[in-house]
Every structure is written in C-alpha cells, then in structure tokens.
C-alpha cells in the first residue's frame, strides 16, 4: 500500500448519521493515497458506535466536548498524522472528484503551506478570499505554527467555533502562505446555505458567534498593520517584514501602558475534581498568557480554593493581583486597560479595578450594564477578576480559608471585597477591560434557589455589618 499523501482529519460533532455518507464521499472522490482519521470526544457514544460499526480509524479526544471543541480536536490529532499534507475536514462535507489533485497542484506550484478549497456556499469563499476547509502542508505548521501567538498548534483554541478558520486563513495570508484552488470542490452541507437541516450543534455555533466575532476583531487588531495601511496587509514584501509586524503587535503590551503603570500577577486557582484543573488549563490560562503579566496556576484536589489562592499570592511578584476561576477568560488587552486606568486615577488611595463582564450562557452572550454603585453592605457588584494591590491583599489577610467549600466557596469573593472596601479601597470601573465569564450548567447562578443565596449573603453580612443584617433582613430577602 502506497504511503499516504494526504491525511484527512474529521472531527465528529454530534452527527453520527453523517459518518457513512462522508466516508463514501471521501473514498469515491479522492484519487491520491490518503488516510482518513476521525476524532471523537470522550462521551460521544453514538458517534463512536457508528465509527466502530463501519470499521474506520478513529481517535477519542481525552476530554468531553466543550468550548473550542473543533479546534482542540484538530490540534490534538495533528501530531498523530504522518502525511506531508493534512486536510482539515468536518462531518458535514461532500467531496467532489479530483478535489485532492487540484488542491495539491496549487500548493506545489505556488509553494504555499495553506490551500483553500471551494465550499460552494460561503460568499467569501466563492470570491476566492477565504476557505472554510483547508489543505495544510505539514512543514508549514512545524515551521510557523498555525496561530500567531501559540494559542493552538493549528487553530486558536480561544474561540468557541465560529471564526476559528478565519483567523487561521488571515494569519497564513499575512505570511504569504495561502492560495485558493477554485477547482478543488469540497462542498459544505451547511444550513446557512440551505444544504442541510439545522441541529443542536449548528444552533450552539450560531449562539456563540457574537462573542467569537468580538474576540476575532480584537485579535485582528494585534495581527494587522495599522489603519490606513490596508494594502500592506496583503502585500508586505517579505516574510521577515511580516513576522516583525506580527511580533510587534503581539508584544505591544510587554511594556506598560504608560510609564509608571503597575505590574500584574494573574492567579488561576482550582480545587476538587480534576475536571476543573483541566478546564483551567484550556480556558483562562491561554488568555492569561497573552497578557503582559506573571501567570500562576495551581490546583488542590483535597483543599479549598481560598487556600490555593493564598498560596499562589504569596509567590506573586506583581504590584496588583488578578484572580480567575476555571470558567473565566480575559478579553485581549485586559491588563493594558487596567494599567492605563490605574495611572490616570491613582492618587495614593488603594484601588479596586473592576472590569466589564460578558457572560456566556449556553453559548449565548449577555453583557449586563454595571450595577448602580451602592454601598458594599447592600450588594456585591464587582467580580472575582477585579485587580487588588498585593499590599492591600496581605493587609486584609487574603482569602478567608475557613468557609465550608461545599457551601461558601462560591461566595468567598464577596467577603474578601468587603474587607478591602472597609479598609478604604476605592472602586474604579474599567469598561475597556472585559472578563468573559462562562456559566456552567451547575453554576450557582443557575441552580441555587434565591432563599439559599440570601442566607449565604446574610451570613457574610453578619460577619461585617451585624447591625444591618438582622433576622428581619433575612425575613424580607429570604
């Protein structure tokens, strides 16, 4: 059997009924020696049954499907391929005869590492300006990497799904490593083009498209040359020059926003089940590494989160501390905005710099307005990722470690901010710093009854404002 010239990676996304027609399409339309490798997620029982029934080669990604599922599967499976070319497929494609020969011809003749195929649906693709499914030369990934800032081996894992391919293609274009093959037809059977019925997977992608678009625009500002230089985006003369532009933009926050800005340490602490540790590695950590900050991460399977936070804070060196939960992400430019606000407003009084929050619930983005500013004894209106000075953190005693983690762990931030507030700290809102908070199905915001939340609020209030938090208060609010 001849060695494979193209390895075709196919992440399966909750559509077991698509597997058999896809295999038939690949085998009937592909002329060169090839290998098809399906990638399922842990827990994809029906998909795995279909793959085993058909006797095809597949791998099982070690984590359950979640945020960035498509990109993570491709990135994880790519090192397990061996052919000189790898095709980034999907489970809703129809391969047309000769697609492989046409794509390989363009890649070899043009000497590029990324070749776009015609999906016969997307208007940008029809114009030859984009591709949704792409042939990738192995040594392109080995030489450059698919992303401009190492947020994924091939695809950036910060997106939920939409715009993953957009960033990959735009990065290749700026490196002069992309070409389009109009004769290579790999039809995308997508409901947006009226070629299939909508299902839960498509619905989730549509719901997550708005936060993905916001992230894409922010990251393109880093990748692209400045305004007024539109021609340069596609016609920079050589690879060294474009790499220098990319590096300059990606590293722009390595210096402080303005002279005198504070340094920042980002602390990511988890406890309990190892799934939270894995989530922290895949969600807040990549976004934190993009920031001009020291990043500390820790997990304790037996302790509580407050203990982990205090342990990491003792090792931190930044002037300000930023704490993140496992289901949080920082929008690009978070620390830059915080530093700028600090320099503008710091006058000797301790500051609590609190961000704007974009909640993502079931893939749908919700960005509430800031709470009306009320005294802290009445409500907690700042979030855990608020920046607090390391000096103030130690002065007030850090996070309270004696809460029962089963009941209090999710409300310990309110108690901590009360102590900072009572110590004289001033709260400043920073609207250009955006925290992306993903609410899980088991989040306290979604499952805890109002009476339970009121009781915990009451208990914390009793610790600091006993005259206000009386039994009458609990009766009115519980």
Foldseek 3Di string as FASTA:
>chain_A
DDDAQEEEEEEADLCLVLVVQVVVQCVVADDGHYAYEYEYEVVSVSNVVSCVVVVHHYYYDDHHDDFLNLQVRCLVCVVVDDHQKYKHDYSQKGFHHPLVVLQVVCCVVQVAFKEAEQQPADPCVVVFNFHDIIMGGPVVLVPQAQALPPCGSNWRRAGRDPCRRVRSQLLRQLQVRYGYRHVNYIHGQDVVRPRDDDDLVNVLCVQQVVVRVVLNVLVVQLQADDPPPVVNSRPPPHNVVSSVSNVCSLCVQLDALDPPFWAEEEEEEEEADCVQVVLQVRHAVSQVVSHNHHYYYDYYNPFARQVSVVVVLVVDDTQKYFYDGSQKYWRPCQVNLVRVVCVVDDDPAWEWEAEFEWEAESSHTDGDDQDDDDDLLVDDRGDRRTIGGSVLCVVLPGFDRPDDCVQCRVPRVSLSVVSSVVVGYDYDYRHVTYMYGYADPPHCVNPPDQLSVLVNSLVSSCVPPVVVSDVVSSVVRD
